[in-house]
Amino acid sequence: MTKPELQQALKERFGKLANETESIEETQFFAPIGEKWSVAENMLHLTQSAKGFNQGLAFPKEVLVRQFGKIDRPNLDYDGVVNAYLTILGTGIKASGAFVPILPENPSKTILINSFVKHHEILANYLDEWSETELDEIVIRHPVLKLMTIREIYYFMHYHIGHHHKAILKGL
């Protein structure tokens, strides 16, 4: 995907999830989905993921290059990123550390959804600061997929929202 296509796809994906979750009744929003996370926990996890990536993107590009270098392998396309993620999920790996959603006391559905939208809008808008070439050369570390180009991370973020959207829909 080109940068504008990726930006549009990301906005559509997070916007659709935000719109759909707004209509979920409050008790169902916070209720576990079987043995899995609740809708609220899924939303918080996605927000935590976006916030983490946004923090990385806030660094000057030169710092990222000094820290991680540039890509030294062929770039993965969207399907390649998805396959890498599904492969790592197949090993039984789970979210850990800052990516495990722990809801605050007396959580607010509105605040959780608004925070999800806000941090994903920031993420989508960061694309404006990158050239097509930089998206394919500069890398950043993903917690489980390791070094990925900025474009690959955006592919992951797009897929990741859809992955959790499916989990939410299963519980409704």
C-alpha atoms as a PDB file:
ATOM      1  CA  MET A   1       0.000   0.000   0.000  1.00  0.00           C
ATOM      2  CA  THR A   2       1.131   3.522  -0.672  1.00  0.00           C
ATOM      3  CA  LYS A   3       1.278   5.961   2.216  1.00  0.00           C
ATOM      4  CA  PRO A   4      -2.112   7.584   1.387  1.00  0.00           C
ATOM      5  CA  GLU A   5      -3.724   4.168   0.932  1.00  0.00           C
ATOM      6  CA  LEU A   6      -2.289   2.960   4.220  1.00  0.00           C
ATOM      7  CA  GLN A   7      -3.417   6.081   6.049  1.00  0.00           C
ATOM      8  CA  GLN A   8      -6.948   5.738   4.663  1.00  0.00           C
ATOM      9  CA  ALA A   9      -7.122   2.008   5.428  1.00  0.00           C
ATOM     10  CA  LEU A  10      -5.958   2.567   8.995  1.00  0.00           C
ATOM     11  CA  LYS A  11      -8.481   5.369   9.579  1.00  0.00           C
ATOM     12  CA  GLU A  12     -11.306   3.261   8.171  1.00  0.00           C
ATOM     13  CA  ARG A  13     -10.351   0.267  10.287  1.00  0.00           C
ATOM     14  CA  PHE A  14     -10.086   2.054  13.627  1.00  0.00           C
ATOM     15  CA  GLY A  15     -13.109   4.244  12.845  1.00  0.00           C
ATOM     16  CA  LYS A  16     -15.281   1.229  12.138  1.00  0.00           C
ATOM     17  CA  LEU A  17     -14.260  -0.465  15.380  1.00  0.00           C
ATOM     18  CA  ALA A  18     -14.872   2.704  17.389  1.00  0.00           C
ATOM     19  CA  ASN A  19     -18.319   3.176  15.835  1.00  0.00           C
ATOM     20  CA  GLU A  20     -19.333  -0.426  16.450  1.00  0.00           C
ATOM     21  CA  THR A  21     -18.161  -0.481  20.057  1.00  0.00           C
ATOM     22  CA  GLU A  22     -20.049   2.727  20.881  1.00  0.00           C
ATOM     23  CA  SER A  23     -23.324   0.863  20.350  1.00  0.00           C
ATOM     24  CA  ILE A  24     -22.425  -1.996  22.715  1.00  0.00           C
ATOM     25  CA  GLU A  25     -24.331  -1.862  25.980  1.00  0.00           C
ATOM     26  CA  GLU A  26     -22.136  -0.857  28.935  1.00  0.00           C
ATOM     27  CA  THR A  27     -22.332  -4.127  30.883  1.00  0.00           C
ATOM     28  CA  GLN A  28     -21.529  -6.145  27.759  1.00  0.00           C
ATOM     29  CA  PHE A  29     -18.640  -3.771  26.948  1.00  0.00           C
ATOM     30  CA  PHE A  30     -16.927  -4.655  30.240  1.00  0.00           C
ATOM     31  CA  ALA A  31     -17.944  -8.334  30.438  1.00  0.00           C
ATOM     32  CA  PRO A  32     -15.300 -10.950  29.561  1.00  0.00           C
ATOM     33  CA  ILE A  33     -15.774 -12.692  26.223  1.00  0.00           C
ATOM     34  CA  GLY A  34     -15.736 -16.267  27.508  1.00  0.00           C
ATOM     35  CA  GLU A  35     -12.189 -16.813  28.815  1.00  0.00           C
ATOM     36  CA  LYS A  36     -10.894 -13.915  26.708  1.00  0.00           C
ATOM     37  CA  TRP A  37     -10.606 -10.189  27.197  1.00  0.00           C
ATOM     38  CA  SER A  38     -13.699  -8.006  27.314  1.00  0.00           C
ATOM     39  CA  VAL A  39     -14.419  -5.457  24.592  1.00  0.00           C
ATOM     40  CA  ALA A  40     -13.020  -2.817  26.960  1.00  0.00           C
ATOM     41  CA  GLU A  41      -9.792  -4.783  27.474  1.00  0.00           C
ATOM     42  CA  ASN A  42      -9.401  -5.315  23.721  1.00  0.00           C
ATOM     43  CA  MET A  43      -9.835  -1.577  23.161  1.00  0.00           C
ATOM     44  CA  LEU A  44      -7.342  -0.741  25.907  1.00  0.00           C
ATOM     45  CA  HIS A  45      -4.808  -3.213  24.490  1.00  0.00           C
ATOM     46  CA  LEU A  46      -5.110  -1.646  21.036  1.00  0.00           C
ATOM     47  CA  THR A  47      -4.722   1.809  22.562  1.00  0.00           C
ATOM     48  CA  GLN A  48      -1.610   0.685  24.453  1.00  0.00           C
ATOM     49  CA  SER A  49      -0.182  -0.688  21.199  1.00  0.00           C
ATOM     50  CA  ALA A  50      -0.824   2.559  19.326  1.00  0.00           C
ATOM     51  CA  LYS A  51       0.626   4.621  22.179  1.00  0.00           C
ATOM     52  CA  GLY A  52       3.787   2.502  22.169  1.00  0.00           C
ATOM     53  CA  PHE A  53       4.293   2.912  18.449  1.00  0.00           C
ATOM     54  CA  ASN A  54       3.505   6.619  18.657  1.00  0.00           C
ATOM     55  CA  GLN A  55       6.210   7.020  21.303  1.00  0.00           C
ATOM     56  CA  GLY A  56       8.707   5.362  18.963  1.00  0.00           C
ATOM     57  CA  LEU A  57       7.640   7.538  16.036  1.00  0.00           C
ATOM     58  CA  ALA A  58       8.113  10.663  18.160  1.00  0.00           C
ATOM     59  CA  PHE A  59      11.876  10.147  18.110  1.00  0.00           C
ATOM     60  CA  PRO A  60      13.832  11.934  15.391  1.00  0.00           C
ATOM     61  CA  LYS A  61      14.430   9.631  12.436  1.00  0.00           C
ATOM     62  CA  GLU A  62      18.208   9.930  12.937  1.00  0.00           C
ATOM     63  CA  VAL A  63      17.815   8.510  16.446  1.00  0.00           C
ATOM     64  CA  LEU A  64      15.874   5.516  15.115  1.00  0.00           C
ATOM     65  CA  VAL A  65      18.558   4.899  12.480  1.00  0.00           C
ATOM     66  CA  ARG A  66      21.309   5.133  15.121  1.00  0.00           C
ATOM     67  CA  GLN A  67      19.408   2.849  17.479  1.00  0.00           C
ATOM     68  CA  PHE A  68      18.159   0.223  15.034  1.00  0.00           C
ATOM     69  CA  GLY A  69      19.910   0.813  11.719  1.00  0.00           C
ATOM     70  CA  LYS A  70      18.169   0.357   8.395  1.00  0.00           C
ATOM     71  CA  ILE A  71      16.473  -2.699   6.972  1.00  0.00           C
ATOM     72  CA  ASP A  72      18.887  -5.440   5.928  1.00  0.00           C
ATOM     73  CA  ARG A  73      16.382  -7.847   4.412  1.00  0.00           C
ATOM     74  CA  PRO A  74      13.663  -7.702   1.774  1.00  0.00           C
ATOM     75  CA  ASN A  75      10.589  -5.770   2.909  1.00  0.00           C
ATOM     76  CA  LEU A  76       7.517  -7.752   3.865  1.00  0.00           C
ATOM     77  CA  ASP A  77       4.266  -6.969   2.132  1.00  0.00           C
ATOM     78  CA  TYR A  78       0.986  -6.864   4.070  1.00  0.00           C
ATOM     79  CA  ASP A  79       0.443 -10.622   3.818  1.00  0.00           C
ATOM     80  CA  GLY A  80       4.022 -11.270   4.882  1.00  0.00           C
ATOM     81  CA  VAL A  81       3.540  -9.210   8.043  1.00  0.00           C
ATOM     82  CA  VAL A  82       0.249 -10.975   8.801  1.00  0.00           C
ATOM     83  CA  ASN A  83       1.836 -14.391   8.277  1.00  0.00           C
ATOM     84  CA  ALA A  84       4.769 -13.491  10.550  1.00  0.00           C
ATOM     85  CA  TYR A  85       2.336 -12.363  13.249  1.00  0.00           C
ATOM     86  CA  LEU A  86       0.111 -15.431  12.950  1.00  0.00           C
ATOM     87  CA  THR A  87       3.190 -17.647  13.091  1.00  0.00           C
ATOM     88  CA  ILE A  88       4.368 -16.033  16.320  1.00  0.00           C
ATOM     89  CA  LEU A  89       0.842 -16.262  17.779  1.00  0.00           C
ATOM     90  CA  GLY A  90       0.907 -19.962  16.909  1.00  0.00           C
ATOM     91  CA  THR A  91       3.794 -20.421  19.344  1.00  0.00           C
ATOM     92  CA  GLY A  92       1.459 -19.461  22.192  1.00  0.00           C
ATOM     93  CA  ILE A  93       2.981 -16.048  22.827  1.00  0.00           C
ATOM     94  CA  LYS A  94       0.689 -13.644  24.656  1.00  0.00           C
ATOM     95  CA  ALA A  95       0.690  -9.920  25.319  1.00  0.00           C
ATOM     96  CA  SER A  96       2.966  -8.990  28.184  1.00  0.00           C
ATOM     97  CA  GLY A  97       4.170  -6.011  30.154  1.00  0.00           C
ATOM     98  CA  ALA A  98       2.747  -2.668  29.108  1.00  0.00           C
ATOM     99  CA  PHE A  99       0.529  -4.371  26.509  1.00  0.00           C
ATOM    100  CA  VAL A 100      -1.566  -6.333  29.012  1.00  0.00           C
ATOM    101  CA  PRO A 101      -4.764  -4.342  29.512  1.00  0.00           C
ATOM    102  CA  ILE A 102      -5.492  -3.531  33.128  1.00  0.00           C
ATOM    103  CA  LEU A 103      -8.626  -1.458  33.387  1.00  0.00           C
ATOM    104  CA  PRO A 104      -8.645   1.399  35.897  1.00  0.00           C
ATOM    105  CA  GLU A 105     -11.039   1.390  38.829  1.00  0.00           C
ATOM    106  CA  ASN A 106     -14.482   2.548  37.646  1.00  0.00           C
ATOM    107  CA  PRO A 107     -13.563   2.591  33.951  1.00  0.00           C
ATOM    108  CA  SER A 108     -15.502   4.734  31.499  1.00  0.00           C
ATOM    109  CA  LYS A 109     -16.586   3.268  28.180  1.00  0.00           C
ATOM    110  CA  THR A 110     -16.596   6.734  26.611  1.00  0.00           C
ATOM    111  CA  ILE A 111     -13.082   7.536  27.803  1.00  0.00           C
ATOM    112  CA  LEU A 112     -11.743   4.170  26.596  1.00  0.00           C
ATOM    113  CA  ILE A 113     -13.240   4.607  23.124  1.00  0.00           C
ATOM    114  CA  ASN A 114     -12.177   8.264  22.874  1.00  0.00           C
ATOM    115  CA  SER A 115      -8.630   7.361  23.915  1.00  0.00           C
ATOM    116  CA  PHE A 116      -8.567   4.545  21.338  1.00  0.00           C
ATOM    117  CA  VAL A 117      -9.617   6.984  18.595  1.00  0.00           C
ATOM    118  CA  LYS A 118      -7.241   9.738  19.728  1.00  0.00           C
ATOM    119  CA  HIS A 119      -4.137   7.530  19.763  1.00  0.00           C
ATOM    120  CA  HIS A 120      -5.018   5.887  16.447  1.00  0.00           C
ATOM    121  CA  GLU A 121      -5.581   9.303  14.839  1.00  0.00           C
ATOM    122  CA  ILE A 122      -2.123  10.334  16.061  1.00  0.00           C
ATOM    123  CA  LEU A 123      -0.739   7.124  14.584  1.00  0.00           C
ATOM    124  CA  ALA A 124      -2.409   7.731  11.210  1.00  0.00           C
ATOM    125  CA  ASN A 125      -1.253  11.352  11.158  1.00  0.00           C
ATOM    126  CA  TYR A 126       2.378  10.394  11.816  1.00  0.00           C
ATOM    127  CA  LEU A 127       2.398   8.930   8.305  1.00  0.00           C
ATOM    128  CA  ASP A 128       2.476  12.498   6.966  1.00  0.00           C
ATOM    129  CA  GLU A 129       6.000  12.856   8.364  1.00  0.00           C
ATOM    130  CA  TRP A 130       7.494   9.943   6.435  1.00  0.00           C
ATOM    131  CA  SER A 131       8.468   9.583   2.787  1.00  0.00           C
ATOM    132  CA  GLU A 132       7.656   6.380   0.937  1.00  0.00           C
ATOM    133  CA  THR A 133      11.397   5.568   0.938  1.00  0.00           C
ATOM    134  CA  GLU A 134      11.782   6.172   4.680  1.00  0.00           C
ATOM    135  CA  LEU A 135       8.797   3.907   5.384  1.00  0.00           C
ATOM    136  CA  ASP A 136      10.672   1.087   3.657  1.00  0.00           C
ATOM    137  CA  GLU A 137      14.163   1.726   5.060  1.00  0.00           C
ATOM    138  CA  ILE A 138      13.940   2.896   8.666  1.00  0.00           C
ATOM    139  CA  VAL A 139      13.208   0.250  11.271  1.00  0.00           C
ATOM    140  CA  ILE A 140      11.799   0.134  14.772  1.00  0.00           C
ATOM    141  CA  ARG A 141      11.494  -2.747  17.228  1.00  0.00           C
ATOM    142  CA  HIS A 142       8.215  -4.591  17.628  1.00  0.00           C
ATOM    143  CA  PRO A 143       7.857  -6.403  20.981  1.00  0.00           C
ATOM    144  CA  VAL A 144       7.594  -9.880  19.420  1.00  0.00           C
ATOM    145  CA  LEU A 145       8.235  -9.480  15.694  1.00  0.00           C
ATOM    146  CA  LYS A 146      11.547  -7.687  16.345  1.00  0.00           C
ATOM    147  CA  LEU A 147      12.937  -5.231  13.787  1.00  0.00           C
ATOM    148  CA  MET A 148      10.369  -4.098  11.257  1.00  0.00           C
ATOM    149  CA  THR A 149      10.240  -1.216   8.815  1.00  0.00           C
ATOM    150  CA  ILE A 150       7.904   1.618   9.658  1.00  0.00           C
ATOM    151  CA  ARG A 151       5.602   0.506   6.821  1.00  0.00           C
ATOM    152  CA  GLU A 152       5.601  -3.063   8.160  1.00  0.00           C
ATOM    153  CA  ILE A 153       4.637  -1.779  11.606  1.00  0.00           C
ATOM    154  CA  TYR A 154       1.769   0.153  10.029  1.00  0.00           C
ATOM    155  CA  TYR A 155       0.676  -3.019   8.232  1.00  0.00           C
ATOM    156  CA  PHE A 156       0.811  -4.797  11.576  1.00  0.00           C
ATOM    157  CA  MET A 157      -1.215  -2.083  13.302  1.00  0.00           C
ATOM    158  CA  HIS A 158      -3.883  -2.256  10.588  1.00  0.00           C
ATOM    159  CA  TYR A 159      -4.104  -6.036  10.870  1.00  0.00           C
ATOM    160  CA  HIS A 160      -3.932  -5.967  14.676  1.00  0.00           C
ATOM    161  CA  ILE A 161      -7.059  -3.810  14.899  1.00  0.00           C
ATOM    162  CA  GLY A 162      -8.900  -6.232  12.614  1.00  0.00           C
ATOM    163  CA  HIS A 163      -7.628  -9.226  14.608  1.00  0.00           C
ATOM    164  CA  HIS A 164      -9.092  -7.814  17.831  1.00  0.00           C
ATOM    165  CA  HIS A 165     -12.238  -6.646  16.038  1.00  0.00           C
ATOM    166  CA  LYS A 166     -12.903 -10.285  15.099  1.00  0.00           C
ATOM    167  CA  ALA A 167     -12.382 -11.344  18.714  1.00  0.00           C
ATOM    168  CA  ILE A 168     -14.880  -8.719  19.843  1.00  0.00           C
ATOM    169  CA  LEU A 169     -17.450  -9.754  17.237  1.00  0.00           C
ATOM    170  CA  LYS A 170     -17.216 -13.394  18.376  1.00  0.00           C
ATOM    171  CA  GLY A 171     -18.434 -12.336  21.794  1.00  0.00           C
ATOM    172  CA  LEU A 172     -21.402 -10.303  20.623  1.00  0.00           C
END
